[in-house]
Amino acid sequence: MPDYPLKSCSMIALPGIAIQDKIYESSNSLVYRGIRDDGVGIIVKMLKLDYPSPQELTRYRQEYKITRSLTVEGVVKAYSQHDYQRTLVILLEDFWGESLEQWMHKRPDIFYPMPLSTFLGVAIALTDILGRIHAANILSGAFEPTSRCFKLPKSSLAQLC
């Protein structure tokens, strides 16, 4: 669980999931953090358009299949995919990570200026995960500070979503 208070909001309504906050928005997707009725944290990723094209729906289904098939340590697990109104929703594991951009802004003591040891630790952990993804013959999309969330525990193991 995060060390900050969760804001309750009603952006979308999914059975059995209480949406807490919007954590990311791109031109194609909306990503929310929620909690299932059983208390487990969940990430809800959905297509942004109210009327996505058949190609966009196919791409999202493929994204779910690929993510679901990955058994790479450090990559979030895809739980399920659901129809929602006229679009698709993917439910993902929530490990309470943040985007690199959010992490950098919250922790200026670590990142400004960023010590070489911090930079190398983050770079090595993320590169290791991306290498394992690519070794599984999967190409990842754009890797930007706002588009991926991660968590670096005290060990050098990182997690990506």
C-alpha atoms as a PDB file:
ATOM      1  CA  MET A   1       0.000   0.000   0.000  1.00  0.00           C
ATOM      2  CA  PRO A   2       1.189   3.550  -0.629  1.00  0.00           C
ATOM      3  CA  ASP A   3       2.357   5.850   2.136  1.00  0.00           C
ATOM      4  CA  TYR A   4       0.001   8.598   0.993  1.00  0.00           C
ATOM      5  CA  PRO A   5      -3.777   8.927   1.352  1.00  0.00           C
ATOM      6  CA  LEU A   6      -5.868   7.621  -1.511  1.00  0.00           C
ATOM      7  CA  LYS A   7      -8.410   9.923  -3.077  1.00  0.00           C
ATOM      8  CA  SER A   8     -11.759   8.361  -3.782  1.00  0.00           C
ATOM      9  CA  CYS A   9     -13.197   9.208  -7.172  1.00  0.00           C
ATOM     10  CA  SER A  10     -15.825   7.853  -9.490  1.00  0.00           C
ATOM     11  CA  MET A  11     -14.290   8.212 -12.945  1.00  0.00           C
ATOM     12  CA  ILE A  12     -15.506   4.839 -14.134  1.00  0.00           C
ATOM     13  CA  ALA A  13     -17.683   2.183 -12.559  1.00  0.00           C
ATOM     14  CA  LEU A  14     -16.482  -1.411 -12.706  1.00  0.00           C
ATOM     15  CA  PRO A  15     -18.178  -4.174 -10.715  1.00  0.00           C
ATOM     16  CA  GLY A  16     -16.140  -5.175  -7.686  1.00  0.00           C
ATOM     17  CA  ILE A  17     -13.562  -2.388  -8.071  1.00  0.00           C
ATOM     18  CA  ALA A  18     -13.456   0.972  -6.300  1.00  0.00           C
ATOM     19  CA  ILE A  19     -11.505   3.388  -8.500  1.00  0.00           C
ATOM     20  CA  GLN A  20      -9.266   5.598  -6.370  1.00  0.00           C
ATOM     21  CA  ASP A  21      -7.335   7.860  -8.707  1.00  0.00           C
ATOM     22  CA  LYS A  22      -6.293   8.480 -12.294  1.00  0.00           C
ATOM     23  CA  ILE A  23      -2.548   7.874 -12.409  1.00  0.00           C
ATOM     24  CA  TYR A  24      -1.738   8.346 -16.094  1.00  0.00           C
ATOM     25  CA  GLU A  25      -3.239   9.601 -19.331  1.00  0.00           C
ATOM     26  CA  SER A  26      -1.841   9.395 -22.848  1.00  0.00           C
ATOM     27  CA  SER A  27      -3.356  10.094 -26.229  1.00  0.00           C
ATOM     28  CA  ASN A  28      -4.531   6.446 -26.352  1.00  0.00           C
ATOM     29  CA  SER A  29      -5.037   5.248 -22.776  1.00  0.00           C
ATOM     30  CA  LEU A  30      -6.331   6.116 -19.340  1.00  0.00           C
ATOM     31  CA  VAL A  31      -4.826   4.371 -16.326  1.00  0.00           C
ATOM     32  CA  TYR A  32      -6.498   4.261 -12.924  1.00  0.00           C
ATOM     33  CA  ARG A  33      -5.580   2.821  -9.550  1.00  0.00           C
ATOM     34  CA  GLY A  34      -8.315   0.948  -7.719  1.00  0.00           C
ATOM     35  CA  ILE A  35      -9.016  -1.588  -5.027  1.00  0.00           C
ATOM     36  CA  ARG A  36     -10.989  -4.786  -5.531  1.00  0.00           C
ATOM     37  CA  ASP A  37     -13.707  -5.785  -3.074  1.00  0.00           C
ATOM     38  CA  ASP A  38     -11.252  -8.279  -1.543  1.00  0.00           C
ATOM     39  CA  GLY A  39      -8.835  -5.426  -0.722  1.00  0.00           C
ATOM     40  CA  VAL A  40      -6.286  -6.192  -3.446  1.00  0.00           C
ATOM     41  CA  GLY A  41      -4.863  -3.201  -5.320  1.00  0.00           C
ATOM     42  CA  ILE A  42      -5.514  -3.160  -9.052  1.00  0.00           C
ATOM     43  CA  ILE A  43      -4.478  -1.059 -12.044  1.00  0.00           C
ATOM     44  CA  VAL A  44      -7.225  -0.389 -14.587  1.00  0.00           C
ATOM     45  CA  LYS A  45      -5.970   0.465 -18.072  1.00  0.00           C
ATOM     46  CA  MET A  46      -8.483   1.404 -20.732  1.00  0.00           C
ATOM     47  CA  LEU A  47      -8.647   2.852 -24.201  1.00  0.00           C
ATOM     48  CA  LYS A  48      -9.296   6.572 -24.048  1.00  0.00           C
ATOM     49  CA  LEU A  49     -11.651   6.907 -27.006  1.00  0.00           C
ATOM     50  CA  ASP A  50     -15.359   6.347 -26.466  1.00  0.00           C
ATOM     51  CA  TYR A  51     -15.540   4.739 -29.908  1.00  0.00           C
ATOM     52  CA  PRO A  52     -12.210   3.008 -30.608  1.00  0.00           C
ATOM     53  CA  SER A  53     -11.606   1.648 -34.089  1.00  0.00           C
ATOM     54  CA  PRO A  54     -11.503  -2.106 -34.730  1.00  0.00           C
ATOM     55  CA  GLN A  55      -7.722  -1.758 -35.183  1.00  0.00           C
ATOM     56  CA  GLU A  56      -7.349  -0.114 -31.759  1.00  0.00           C
ATOM     57  CA  LEU A  57      -9.433  -2.835 -30.127  1.00  0.00           C
ATOM     58  CA  THR A  58      -7.307  -5.501 -31.830  1.00  0.00           C
ATOM     59  CA  ARG A  59      -4.094  -3.785 -30.666  1.00  0.00           C
ATOM     60  CA  TYR A  60      -5.376  -3.653 -27.079  1.00  0.00           C
ATOM     61  CA  ARG A  61      -6.389  -7.315 -27.148  1.00  0.00           C
ATOM     62  CA  GLN A  62      -2.914  -8.172 -28.433  1.00  0.00           C
ATOM     63  CA  GLU A  63      -1.301  -6.048 -25.698  1.00  0.00           C
ATOM     64  CA  TYR A  64      -3.280  -7.974 -23.098  1.00  0.00           C
ATOM     65  CA  LYS A  65      -2.326 -11.373 -24.591  1.00  0.00           C
ATOM     66  CA  ILE A  66       1.362 -10.457 -24.672  1.00  0.00           C
ATOM     67  CA  THR A  67       1.379  -9.040 -21.143  1.00  0.00           C
ATOM     68  CA  ARG A  68      -0.563 -12.040 -19.853  1.00  0.00           C
ATOM     69  CA  SER A  69       1.929 -14.447 -21.421  1.00  0.00           C
ATOM     70  CA  LEU A  70       4.995 -12.738 -19.929  1.00  0.00           C
ATOM     71  CA  THR A  71       6.560 -14.499 -16.989  1.00  0.00           C
ATOM     72  CA  VAL A  72       9.386 -12.022 -16.552  1.00  0.00           C
ATOM     73  CA  GLU A  73      10.281 -11.120 -12.986  1.00  0.00           C
ATOM     74  CA  GLY A  74       9.750  -7.398 -12.526  1.00  0.00           C
ATOM     75  CA  VAL A  75       6.888  -7.049 -15.032  1.00  0.00           C
ATOM     76  CA  VAL A  76       3.379  -6.594 -13.689  1.00  0.00           C
ATOM     77  CA  LYS A  77       0.913  -9.399 -14.213  1.00  0.00           C
ATOM     78  CA  ALA A  78      -2.158  -8.971 -16.386  1.00  0.00           C
ATOM     79  CA  TYR A  79      -5.165 -10.392 -14.549  1.00  0.00           C
ATOM     80  CA  SER A  80      -7.986 -10.037 -17.054  1.00  0.00           C
ATOM     81  CA  GLN A  81      -9.524  -8.080 -19.894  1.00  0.00           C
ATOM     82  CA  HIS A  82     -13.128  -6.887 -19.986  1.00  0.00           C
ATOM     83  CA  ASP A  83     -15.510  -5.071 -22.264  1.00  0.00           C
ATOM     84  CA  TYR A  84     -16.511  -1.730 -20.774  1.00  0.00           C
ATOM     85  CA  GLN A  85     -19.206   0.261 -22.521  1.00  0.00           C
ATOM     86  CA  ARG A  86     -17.815   0.493 -26.081  1.00  0.00           C
ATOM     87  CA  THR A  87     -14.161  -0.059 -25.218  1.00  0.00           C
ATOM     88  CA  LEU A  88     -11.809  -2.496 -23.459  1.00  0.00           C
ATOM     89  CA  VAL A  89     -10.344  -2.535 -19.960  1.00  0.00           C
ATOM     90  CA  ILE A  90      -7.230  -4.433 -18.869  1.00  0.00           C
ATOM     91  CA  LEU A  91      -6.846  -5.232 -15.162  1.00  0.00           C
ATOM     92  CA  LEU A  92      -3.231  -5.365 -13.999  1.00  0.00           C
ATOM     93  CA  GLU A  93      -1.366  -6.105 -10.799  1.00  0.00           C
ATOM     94  CA  ASP A  94      -0.777  -3.009  -8.680  1.00  0.00           C
ATOM     95  CA  PHE A  95       2.520  -2.993  -6.833  1.00  0.00           C
ATOM     96  CA  TRP A  96       2.024   0.654  -5.760  1.00  0.00           C
ATOM     97  CA  GLY A  97       4.707   1.990  -8.086  1.00  0.00           C
ATOM     98  CA  GLU A  98       4.935   5.475  -9.532  1.00  0.00           C
ATOM     99  CA  SER A  99       6.133   6.937 -12.801  1.00  0.00           C
ATOM    100  CA  LEU A 100       9.787   7.897 -12.900  1.00  0.00           C
ATOM    101  CA  GLU A 101       8.713  11.508 -13.344  1.00  0.00           C
ATOM    102  CA  GLN A 102       6.547  11.416 -10.178  1.00  0.00           C
ATOM    103  CA  TRP A 103       9.292   9.711  -8.230  1.00  0.00           C
ATOM    104  CA  MET A 104      11.855  12.312  -9.293  1.00  0.00           C
ATOM    105  CA  HIS A 105       9.594  15.204  -8.275  1.00  0.00           C
ATOM    106  CA  LYS A 106       8.749  13.658  -4.908  1.00  0.00           C
ATOM    107  CA  ARG A 107      12.372  12.886  -4.082  1.00  0.00           C
ATOM    108  CA  PRO A 108      14.494  15.875  -5.156  1.00  0.00           C
ATOM    109  CA  ASP A 109      16.928  14.922  -2.392  1.00  0.00           C
ATOM    110  CA  ILE A 110      17.797  11.810  -4.410  1.00  0.00           C
ATOM    111  CA  PHE A 111      17.489  13.114  -7.968  1.00  0.00           C
ATOM    112  CA  TYR A 112      18.634  16.758  -8.045  1.00  0.00           C
ATOM    113  CA  PRO A 113      21.476  16.442  -8.738  1.00  0.00           C
ATOM    114  CA  MET A 114      21.287  12.714  -9.244  1.00  0.00           C
ATOM    115  CA  PRO A 115      24.287  10.923  -7.775  1.00  0.00           C
ATOM    116  CA  LEU A 116      25.980   8.565 -10.182  1.00  0.00           C
ATOM    117  CA  SER A 117      25.277   5.618  -7.867  1.00  0.00           C
ATOM    118  CA  THR A 118      21.520   6.368  -7.941  1.00  0.00           C
ATOM    119  CA  PHE A 119      21.498   6.777 -11.713  1.00  0.00           C
ATOM    120  CA  LEU A 120      23.414   3.549 -12.269  1.00  0.00           C
ATOM    121  CA  GLY A 121      21.194   1.609  -9.850  1.00  0.00           C
ATOM    122  CA  VAL A 122      18.010   2.756 -11.617  1.00  0.00           C
ATOM    123  CA  ALA A 123      19.502   2.304 -15.095  1.00  0.00           C
ATOM    124  CA  ILE A 124      20.816  -1.195 -14.386  1.00  0.00           C
ATOM    125  CA  ALA A 125      17.561  -2.391 -12.801  1.00  0.00           C
ATOM    126  CA  LEU A 126      15.394  -1.054 -15.639  1.00  0.00           C
ATOM    127  CA  THR A 127      17.781  -2.268 -18.343  1.00  0.00           C
ATOM    128  CA  ASP A 128      17.798  -5.743 -16.803  1.00  0.00           C
ATOM    129  CA  ILE A 129      13.997  -5.961 -16.968  1.00  0.00           C
ATOM    130  CA  LEU A 130      13.855  -4.558 -20.512  1.00  0.00           C
ATOM    131  CA  GLY A 131      16.546  -7.045 -21.556  1.00  0.00           C
ATOM    132  CA  ARG A 132      14.475  -9.943 -20.205  1.00  0.00           C
ATOM    133  CA  ILE A 133      11.397  -8.620 -22.031  1.00  0.00           C
ATOM    134  CA  HIS A 134      13.349  -8.397 -25.285  1.00  0.00           C
ATOM    135  CA  ALA A 135      14.849 -11.863 -24.689  1.00  0.00           C
ATOM    136  CA  ALA A 136      11.246 -13.126 -24.725  1.00  0.00           C
ATOM    137  CA  ASN A 137      11.045 -11.707 -28.290  1.00  0.00           C
ATOM    138  CA  ILE A 138       8.818  -8.831 -27.237  1.00  0.00           C
ATOM    139  CA  LEU A 139       9.527  -5.247 -28.176  1.00  0.00           C
ATOM    140  CA  SER A 140       8.393  -2.721 -25.608  1.00  0.00           C
ATOM    141  CA  GLY A 141       6.821   0.580 -26.549  1.00  0.00           C
ATOM    142  CA  ALA A 142       8.160   4.048 -25.865  1.00  0.00           C
ATOM    143  CA  PHE A 143       9.952   4.275 -22.559  1.00  0.00           C
ATOM    144  CA  GLU A 144       9.327   7.758 -21.193  1.00  0.00           C
ATOM    145  CA  PRO A 145       9.507   9.013 -17.596  1.00  0.00           C
ATOM    146  CA  THR A 146       5.725   9.536 -17.571  1.00  0.00           C
ATOM    147  CA  SER A 147       4.639   6.337 -19.322  1.00  0.00           C
ATOM    148  CA  ARG A 148       5.978   3.585 -17.094  1.00  0.00           C
ATOM    149  CA  CYS A 149       5.528   3.111 -13.419  1.00  0.00           C
ATOM    150  CA  PHE A 150       8.138   1.406 -11.368  1.00  0.00           C
ATOM    151  CA  LYS A 151       9.133   0.617  -7.859  1.00  0.00           C
ATOM    152  CA  LEU A 152      12.664   0.219  -6.656  1.00  0.00           C
ATOM    153  CA  PRO A 153      12.652  -1.483  -3.286  1.00  0.00           C
ATOM    154  CA  LYS A 154      15.732  -1.456  -1.074  1.00  0.00           C
ATOM    155  CA  SER A 155      17.079  -4.349  -3.123  1.00  0.00           C
ATOM    156  CA  SER A 156      18.075  -3.758  -6.723  1.00  0.00           C
ATOM    157  CA  LEU A 157      14.945  -5.472  -8.066  1.00  0.00           C
ATOM    158  CA  ALA A 158      12.697  -3.140 -10.023  1.00  0.00           C
ATOM    159  CA  GLN A 159       9.158  -3.710 -11.221  1.00  0.00           C
ATOM    160  CA  LEU A 160       7.648  -2.212 -14.359  1.00  0.00           C
ATOM    161  CA  CYS A 161       4.162  -1.757 -15.671  1.00  0.00           C
END
